[in-house]
Every structure is written in C-alpha cells, then in structure tokens.
Amino acid sequence: MRSHSFQLVAVGHVAKQPELKQKGEHAYLNLCLVGNDYGGPDKEEIVTSLFFTAFGKTASALAVNVRKGDQLIINAHIRDNRFTDSESGEATYAVSYIVDGFIFGAPGAEKREEFARSSQPTAETKRRRA
C-alpha cells in the first residue's frame, strides 16, 4: 500500500445511493458521507458533508453493498487537484478525498428493509414447515 502525506478516517452516513460509473475501462464511484456534529447547548446540530471518490474494486464493492443511509467508516487520502483554466488562465485549487478502504457500520433503513424481506419465509418454506 502506498503512503500518502495526508490520511483521513471519516465516519458518517451515505447521503444518496452511490452509482458505479465507467470512464473507458476504469470504474469509479462518487459518494457523499454526512455526519452530524454537536452544535453546543441550545444550538442546532452542525451537518458536515464530505465527498469521496473510489476507484476499481473498491468502487465496485461499494456500489453493490452500500445503500443510502448506511453508516460507513472510510479510510482515505487527500489528493491535490490544482489546475489552471486553459481559457481564462485562472488558477483553481481543490482537494479530492480518495477512498483507500472502508468498513461497514450500522445498516440504514433501506438495508434493514432488505434484510427483513430476505428473512421472511416464502410460501414454499411455509409449506415445507407444515
């Protein structure tokens, strides 16, 4: 595994269903993780959103297994996206959070419903039990 200057561990809930995309032969996935932080006494929670990008097998695994609302613990590194616009000559500075790995946390509502449906006995199973 490569070493990166800046590492990040983020814990949050998936904001919307991630979608696997292809660019040529390369798979990638964009993912938004949302966390609620304590705002202080008599104050609202502070909602923080971070956007991540995953590539290859990691992107494929996330696309198949993650649902909106699921809790994820993401290990990522920060990539500098500094570039100069070719038309205006204006410099743009940005960073990307690139997923290196992840761990599943608590399932969200959608996944809990999937689990409940898959664990309910079918008509065939009921007949066998009778």
N, C-alpha and C. Protein backbone atom coordinates (compact mmCIF):
# COMPACT_ATOMS: atom_id res chain seq x y z
N MET A 1 0.83 -1.18 0.00
CA MET A 1 0.00 0.00 0.00
C MET A 1 0.88 1.25 0.00
N ARG A 2 0.49 2.22 -0.80
CA ARG A 2 1.27 3.45 -0.89
C ARG A 2 1.06 4.31 0.34
N SER A 3 2.07 5.09 0.64
CA SER A 3 1.97 6.02 1.75
C SER A 3 1.60 7.40 1.21
N HIS A 4 0.70 8.07 1.89
CA HIS A 4 0.25 9.39 1.48
C HIS A 4 0.52 10.37 2.62
N SER A 5 0.79 11.61 2.27
CA SER A 5 1.08 12.63 3.29
C SER A 5 -0.09 12.86 4.23
N PHE A 6 -1.29 12.92 3.68
CA PHE A 6 -2.46 13.21 4.50
C PHE A 6 -3.45 12.05 4.42
N GLN A 7 -3.71 11.45 5.57
CA GLN A 7 -4.67 10.35 5.67
C GLN A 7 -5.91 10.87 6.39
N LEU A 8 -7.03 10.24 6.12
CA LEU A 8 -8.29 10.67 6.69
C LEU A 8 -9.12 9.45 7.05
N VAL A 9 -9.73 9.47 8.22
CA VAL A 9 -10.72 8.46 8.60
C VAL A 9 -12.01 9.23 8.85
N ALA A 10 -13.06 8.87 8.12
CA ALA A 10 -14.34 9.57 8.25
C ALA A 10 -15.43 8.56 8.57
N VAL A 11 -16.30 8.94 9.51
CA VAL A 11 -17.44 8.12 9.88
C VAL A 11 -18.70 8.94 9.62
N GLY A 12 -19.61 8.36 8.85
CA GLY A 12 -20.84 9.08 8.55
C GLY A 12 -21.82 8.17 7.85
N HIS A 13 -22.91 8.77 7.40
CA HIS A 13 -23.97 8.03 6.72
C HIS A 13 -24.00 8.43 5.25
N VAL A 14 -24.27 7.46 4.39
CA VAL A 14 -24.31 7.69 2.95
C VAL A 14 -25.54 8.55 2.63
N ALA A 15 -25.31 9.68 1.95
CA ALA A 15 -26.38 10.65 1.70
C ALA A 15 -27.32 10.22 0.58
N LYS A 16 -26.81 9.57 -0.45
CA LYS A 16 -27.67 9.06 -1.52
C LYS A 16 -27.05 7.81 -2.11
N GLN A 17 -27.88 7.03 -2.78
CA GLN A 17 -27.43 5.75 -3.32
C GLN A 17 -26.25 5.97 -4.27
N PRO A 18 -25.09 5.38 -3.98
CA PRO A 18 -23.94 5.54 -4.87
C PRO A 18 -24.16 4.80 -6.19
N GLU A 19 -23.59 5.34 -7.25
CA GLU A 19 -23.77 4.78 -8.58
C GLU A 19 -22.40 4.55 -9.22
N LEU A 20 -22.16 3.33 -9.65
CA LEU A 20 -20.90 2.99 -10.31
C LEU A 20 -20.90 3.56 -11.72
N LYS A 21 -19.79 4.19 -12.09
CA LYS A 21 -19.66 4.78 -13.43
C LYS A 21 -18.40 4.24 -14.08
N GLN A 22 -18.36 4.31 -15.38
CA GLN A 22 -17.20 3.84 -16.16
C GLN A 22 -16.64 5.00 -16.96
N LYS A 23 -15.33 5.08 -17.02
CA LYS A 23 -14.66 6.01 -17.92
C LYS A 23 -13.59 5.18 -18.62
N GLY A 24 -13.93 4.79 -19.85
CA GLY A 24 -13.06 3.84 -20.54
C GLY A 24 -13.17 2.50 -19.85
N GLU A 25 -12.04 1.94 -19.47
CA GLU A 25 -12.03 0.65 -18.77
C GLU A 25 -12.02 0.81 -17.25
N HIS A 26 -12.04 2.04 -16.77
CA HIS A 26 -11.88 2.29 -15.35
C HIS A 26 -13.22 2.60 -14.67
N ALA A 27 -13.49 1.87 -13.58
CA ALA A 27 -14.71 2.08 -12.80
C ALA A 27 -14.41 3.09 -11.69
N TYR A 28 -15.39 3.95 -11.43
CA TYR A 28 -15.27 4.88 -10.32
C TYR A 28 -16.65 5.14 -9.72
N LEU A 29 -16.64 5.67 -8.53
CA LEU A 29 -17.89 5.93 -7.82
C LEU A 29 -17.71 7.18 -6.97
N ASN A 30 -18.68 8.07 -7.02
CA ASN A 30 -18.69 9.25 -6.16
C ASN A 30 -19.67 9.00 -5.03
N LEU A 31 -19.30 9.40 -3.84
CA LEU A 31 -20.06 9.09 -2.65
C LEU A 31 -20.05 10.29 -1.71
N CYS A 32 -21.21 10.60 -1.14
CA CYS A 32 -21.30 11.68 -0.16
C CYS A 32 -21.57 11.08 1.21
N LEU A 33 -20.74 11.41 2.16
CA LEU A 33 -20.88 10.95 3.53
C LEU A 33 -21.29 12.15 4.39
N VAL A 34 -22.33 11.98 5.21
CA VAL A 34 -22.85 13.07 6.03
C VAL A 34 -22.70 12.71 7.50
N GLY A 35 -22.25 13.67 8.27
CA GLY A 35 -22.13 13.49 9.71
C GLY A 35 -22.77 14.64 10.44
N ASN A 36 -23.37 14.36 11.58
CA ASN A 36 -23.98 15.40 12.41
C ASN A 36 -23.09 15.61 13.63
N ASP A 37 -22.71 16.85 13.86
CA ASP A 37 -21.86 17.19 14.99
C ASP A 37 -22.64 18.03 15.99
N TYR A 38 -22.31 17.87 17.25
CA TYR A 38 -22.94 18.64 18.32
C TYR A 38 -22.65 20.12 18.11
N GLY A 39 -23.69 20.93 18.12
CA GLY A 39 -23.53 22.36 17.90
C GLY A 39 -23.35 23.15 19.17
N GLY A 40 -23.60 22.55 20.31
CA GLY A 40 -23.50 23.25 21.58
C GLY A 40 -24.86 23.33 22.23
N PRO A 41 -24.87 23.77 23.48
CA PRO A 41 -26.16 23.88 24.18
C PRO A 41 -27.06 24.90 23.47
N ASP A 42 -28.30 24.52 23.34
CA ASP A 42 -29.32 25.39 22.71
C ASP A 42 -29.00 25.76 21.28
N LYS A 43 -28.21 24.93 20.59
CA LYS A 43 -27.89 25.18 19.18
C LYS A 43 -28.22 23.93 18.37
N GLU A 44 -28.47 24.14 17.08
CA GLU A 44 -28.75 23.02 16.20
C GLU A 44 -27.48 22.23 15.92
N GLU A 45 -27.68 20.96 15.52
CA GLU A 45 -26.54 20.16 15.10
C GLU A 45 -25.90 20.78 13.87
N ILE A 46 -24.63 20.54 13.73
CA ILE A 46 -23.90 21.01 12.55
C ILE A 46 -23.77 19.82 11.61
N VAL A 47 -24.28 19.97 10.40
CA VAL A 47 -24.22 18.89 9.41
C VAL A 47 -23.00 19.12 8.52
N THR A 48 -22.16 18.09 8.44
CA THR A 48 -20.96 18.16 7.62
C THR A 48 -21.06 17.11 6.52
N SER A 49 -20.82 17.51 5.29
CA SER A 49 -20.84 16.59 4.14
C SER A 49 -19.45 16.54 3.53
N LEU A 50 -18.98 15.34 3.28
CA LEU A 50 -17.71 15.14 2.57
C LEU A 50 -17.97 14.27 1.35
N PHE A 51 -17.34 14.63 0.25
CA PHE A 51 -17.50 13.88 -0.99
C PHE A 51 -16.24 13.07 -1.24
N PHE A 52 -16.44 11.79 -1.52
CA PHE A 52 -15.34 10.86 -1.75
C PHE A 52 -15.44 10.27 -3.15
N THR A 53 -14.30 9.82 -3.66
CA THR A 53 -14.25 9.09 -4.92
C THR A 53 -13.52 7.78 -4.69
N ALA A 54 -14.10 6.70 -5.19
CA ALA A 54 -13.48 5.38 -5.10
C ALA A 54 -13.26 4.86 -6.51
N PHE A 55 -12.24 4.05 -6.68
CA PHE A 55 -11.88 3.51 -7.99
C PHE A 55 -11.79 1.98 -7.95
N GLY A 56 -11.93 1.36 -9.11
CA GLY A 56 -11.67 -0.07 -9.29
C GLY A 56 -12.55 -0.96 -8.44
N LYS A 57 -11.89 -1.95 -7.80
CA LYS A 57 -12.61 -2.95 -7.00
C LYS A 57 -13.30 -2.32 -5.79
N THR A 58 -12.69 -1.30 -5.23
CA THR A 58 -13.30 -0.62 -4.09
C THR A 58 -14.60 0.03 -4.52
N ALA A 59 -14.59 0.68 -5.68
CA ALA A 59 -15.81 1.32 -6.21
C ALA A 59 -16.89 0.27 -6.48
N SER A 60 -16.50 -0.85 -7.07
CA SER A 60 -17.47 -1.92 -7.37
C SER A 60 -18.08 -2.48 -6.09
N ALA A 61 -17.26 -2.71 -5.07
CA ALA A 61 -17.75 -3.26 -3.81
C ALA A 61 -18.73 -2.28 -3.13
N LEU A 62 -18.41 -1.01 -3.16
CA LEU A 62 -19.31 -0.01 -2.58
C LEU A 62 -20.64 0.04 -3.34
N ALA A 63 -20.58 0.01 -4.66
CA ALA A 63 -21.79 0.09 -5.49
C ALA A 63 -22.74 -1.07 -5.20
N VAL A 64 -22.20 -2.26 -5.01
CA VAL A 64 -23.02 -3.45 -4.80
C VAL A 64 -23.57 -3.53 -3.37
N ASN A 65 -22.79 -3.10 -2.40
CA ASN A 65 -23.13 -3.37 -1.00
C ASN A 65 -23.65 -2.20 -0.18
N VAL A 66 -23.51 -0.99 -0.65
CA VAL A 66 -23.88 0.17 0.15
C VAL A 66 -25.22 0.73 -0.30
N ARG A 67 -26.04 1.12 0.66
CA ARG A 67 -27.34 1.74 0.40
C ARG A 67 -27.38 3.10 1.09
N LYS A 68 -28.26 3.94 0.59
CA LYS A 68 -28.48 5.25 1.21
C LYS A 68 -28.82 5.05 2.69
N GLY A 69 -28.18 5.82 3.55
CA GLY A 69 -28.44 5.73 4.98
C GLY A 69 -27.49 4.82 5.74
N ASP A 70 -26.76 3.95 5.03
CA ASP A 70 -25.81 3.07 5.71
C ASP A 70 -24.69 3.89 6.34
N GLN A 71 -24.23 3.42 7.48
CA GLN A 71 -23.07 4.05 8.10
C GLN A 71 -21.82 3.41 7.52
N LEU A 72 -20.84 4.23 7.18
CA LEU A 72 -19.55 3.76 6.67
C LEU A 72 -18.42 4.40 7.45
N ILE A 73 -17.37 3.65 7.60
CA ILE A 73 -16.12 4.18 8.13
C ILE A 73 -15.14 4.11 6.96
N ILE A 74 -14.72 5.25 6.48
CA ILE A 74 -13.89 5.32 5.27
C ILE A 74 -12.48 5.74 5.62
N ASN A 75 -11.51 5.01 5.08
CA ASN A 75 -10.11 5.40 5.12
C ASN A 75 -9.80 6.01 3.77
N ALA A 76 -9.24 7.20 3.77
CA ALA A 76 -9.00 7.90 2.50
C ALA A 76 -7.70 8.69 2.58
N HIS A 77 -7.27 9.13 1.42
CA HIS A 77 -6.17 10.08 1.36
C HIS A 77 -6.63 11.30 0.57
N ILE A 78 -5.92 12.39 0.75
CA ILE A 78 -6.30 13.64 0.11
C ILE A 78 -5.43 13.86 -1.11
N ARG A 79 -6.09 14.15 -2.22
CA ARG A 79 -5.38 14.42 -3.48
C ARG A 79 -5.56 15.89 -3.85
N ASP A 80 -4.47 16.53 -4.20
CA ASP A 80 -4.49 17.93 -4.61
C ASP A 80 -4.94 18.01 -6.07
N ASN A 81 -5.95 18.83 -6.34
CA ASN A 81 -6.47 19.00 -7.70
C ASN A 81 -6.23 20.42 -8.20
N ARG A 82 -5.02 20.85 -8.16
CA ARG A 82 -4.68 22.20 -8.58
C ARG A 82 -4.53 22.22 -10.11
N PHE A 83 -5.19 23.18 -10.75
CA PHE A 83 -5.04 23.30 -12.20
C PHE A 83 -5.29 24.73 -12.64
N THR A 84 -4.85 25.04 -13.86
CA THR A 84 -5.05 26.35 -14.45
C THR A 84 -5.99 26.22 -15.62
N ASP A 85 -7.05 27.03 -15.63
CA ASP A 85 -8.02 27.02 -16.73
C ASP A 85 -7.32 27.49 -18.00
N SER A 86 -7.43 26.68 -19.06
CA SER A 86 -6.71 26.99 -20.30
C SER A 86 -7.26 28.24 -20.99
N GLU A 87 -8.54 28.54 -20.80
CA GLU A 87 -9.13 29.71 -21.46
C GLU A 87 -8.88 31.00 -20.69
N SER A 88 -9.18 30.99 -19.39
CA SER A 88 -9.06 32.22 -18.60
C SER A 88 -7.69 32.39 -17.96
N GLY A 89 -6.94 31.29 -17.84
CA GLY A 89 -5.65 31.35 -17.17
C GLY A 89 -5.77 31.41 -15.65
N GLU A 90 -7.00 31.28 -15.16
CA GLU A 90 -7.25 31.36 -13.72
C GLU A 90 -6.85 30.06 -13.03
N ALA A 91 -6.14 30.19 -11.91
CA ALA A 91 -5.73 29.02 -11.13
C ALA A 91 -6.88 28.57 -10.24
N THR A 92 -7.10 27.28 -10.20
CA THR A 92 -8.14 26.70 -9.36
C THR A 92 -7.47 25.73 -8.38
N TYR A 93 -7.87 25.83 -7.12
CA TYR A 93 -7.33 24.98 -6.08
C TYR A 93 -8.46 24.18 -5.46
N ALA A 94 -8.30 22.88 -5.39
CA ALA A 94 -9.31 22.00 -4.81
C ALA A 94 -8.61 20.74 -4.30
N VAL A 95 -9.33 20.00 -3.46
CA VAL A 95 -8.82 18.71 -3.00
C VAL A 95 -9.89 17.66 -3.23
N SER A 96 -9.46 16.42 -3.40
CA SER A 96 -10.37 15.28 -3.51
C SER A 96 -10.01 14.30 -2.40
N TYR A 97 -11.03 13.61 -1.92
CA TYR A 97 -10.83 12.56 -0.92
C TYR A 97 -10.98 11.23 -1.64
N ILE A 98 -9.90 10.46 -1.71
CA ILE A 98 -9.86 9.21 -2.46
C ILE A 98 -9.93 8.04 -1.47
N VAL A 99 -10.94 7.18 -1.66
CA VAL A 99 -11.16 6.05 -0.76
C VAL A 99 -10.07 5.00 -0.94
N ASP A 100 -9.42 4.65 0.17
CA ASP A 100 -8.43 3.56 0.17
C ASP A 100 -9.05 2.27 0.70
N GLY A 101 -10.04 2.39 1.57
CA GLY A 101 -10.70 1.23 2.14
C GLY A 101 -11.90 1.68 2.94
N PHE A 102 -12.70 0.72 3.37
CA PHE A 102 -13.89 1.06 4.14
C PHE A 102 -14.30 -0.11 5.01
N ILE A 103 -15.09 0.22 6.03
CA ILE A 103 -15.68 -0.77 6.93
C ILE A 103 -17.15 -0.43 7.04
N PHE A 104 -18.00 -1.44 7.01
CA PHE A 104 -19.42 -1.21 7.18
C PHE A 104 -19.74 -0.91 8.63
N GLY A 105 -20.54 0.11 8.86
CA GLY A 105 -21.05 0.41 10.19
C GLY A 105 -22.47 -0.13 10.27
N ALA A 106 -23.35 0.62 10.90
CA ALA A 106 -24.74 0.20 11.06
C ALA A 106 -25.49 0.31 9.73
N PRO A 107 -26.35 -0.65 9.43
CA PRO A 107 -27.13 -0.57 8.19
C PRO A 107 -28.18 0.54 8.30
N GLY A 108 -28.46 1.18 7.18
CA GLY A 108 -29.50 2.19 7.13
C GLY A 108 -30.87 1.55 6.96
N ALA A 109 -31.90 2.38 6.87
CA ALA A 109 -33.28 1.90 6.77
C ALA A 109 -33.49 1.01 5.55
N GLU A 110 -32.94 1.40 4.39
CA GLU A 110 -33.13 0.60 3.17
C GLU A 110 -32.55 -0.80 3.33
N LYS A 111 -31.36 -0.89 3.89
CA LYS A 111 -30.72 -2.20 4.05
C LYS A 111 -31.45 -3.04 5.10
N ARG A 112 -31.94 -2.40 6.16
CA ARG A 112 -32.70 -3.15 7.17
C ARG A 112 -33.97 -3.73 6.55
N GLU A 113 -34.63 -2.97 5.67
CA GLU A 113 -35.82 -3.48 4.97
C GLU A 113 -35.46 -4.65 4.07
N GLU A 114 -34.32 -4.55 3.37
CA GLU A 114 -33.87 -5.67 2.53
C GLU A 114 -33.64 -6.91 3.38
N PHE A 115 -32.98 -6.75 4.53
CA PHE A 115 -32.73 -7.88 5.43
C PHE A 115 -34.05 -8.49 5.89
N ALA A 116 -35.01 -7.65 6.24
CA ALA A 116 -36.30 -8.15 6.73
C ALA A 116 -37.03 -8.94 5.64
N ARG A 117 -37.02 -8.41 4.41
CA ARG A 117 -37.69 -9.12 3.30
C ARG A 117 -37.01 -10.46 3.01
N SER A 118 -35.68 -10.48 3.06
CA SER A 118 -34.98 -11.72 2.72
C SER A 118 -35.11 -12.76 3.82
N SER A 119 -35.41 -12.35 5.05
CA SER A 119 -35.53 -13.32 6.15
C SER A 119 -36.97 -13.79 6.35
N GLN A 120 -37.93 -13.17 5.64
CA GLN A 120 -39.32 -13.62 5.76
C GLN A 120 -39.49 -14.92 4.99
N PRO A 121 -40.21 -15.88 5.59
CA PRO A 121 -40.40 -17.16 4.91
C PRO A 121 -41.27 -17.01 3.65
N THR A 122 -40.90 -17.72 2.62
CA THR A 122 -41.67 -17.72 1.38
C THR A 122 -42.81 -18.73 1.51
N ALA A 123 -43.73 -18.74 0.55
CA ALA A 123 -44.84 -19.70 0.55
C ALA A 123 -44.31 -21.12 0.54
N GLU A 124 -43.24 -21.38 -0.23
CA GLU A 124 -42.63 -22.71 -0.31
C GLU A 124 -42.09 -23.14 1.05
N THR A 125 -41.41 -22.22 1.74
CA THR A 125 -40.85 -22.53 3.06
C THR A 125 -41.97 -22.84 4.04
N LYS A 126 -43.06 -22.08 3.98
CA LYS A 126 -44.20 -22.32 4.88
C LYS A 126 -44.80 -23.69 4.65
N ARG A 127 -44.92 -24.11 3.36
CA ARG A 127 -45.47 -25.43 3.05
C ARG A 127 -44.58 -26.54 3.61
N ARG A 128 -43.28 -26.37 3.49
CA ARG A 128 -42.35 -27.39 3.99
C ARG A 128 -42.46 -27.56 5.50
N ARG A 129 -42.69 -26.45 6.19
CA ARG A 129 -42.78 -26.49 7.65
C ARG A 129 -44.07 -27.16 8.12
N ALA A 130 -45.13 -27.08 7.30
CA ALA A 130 -46.44 -27.60 7.71
C ALA A 130 -46.52 -29.11 7.69
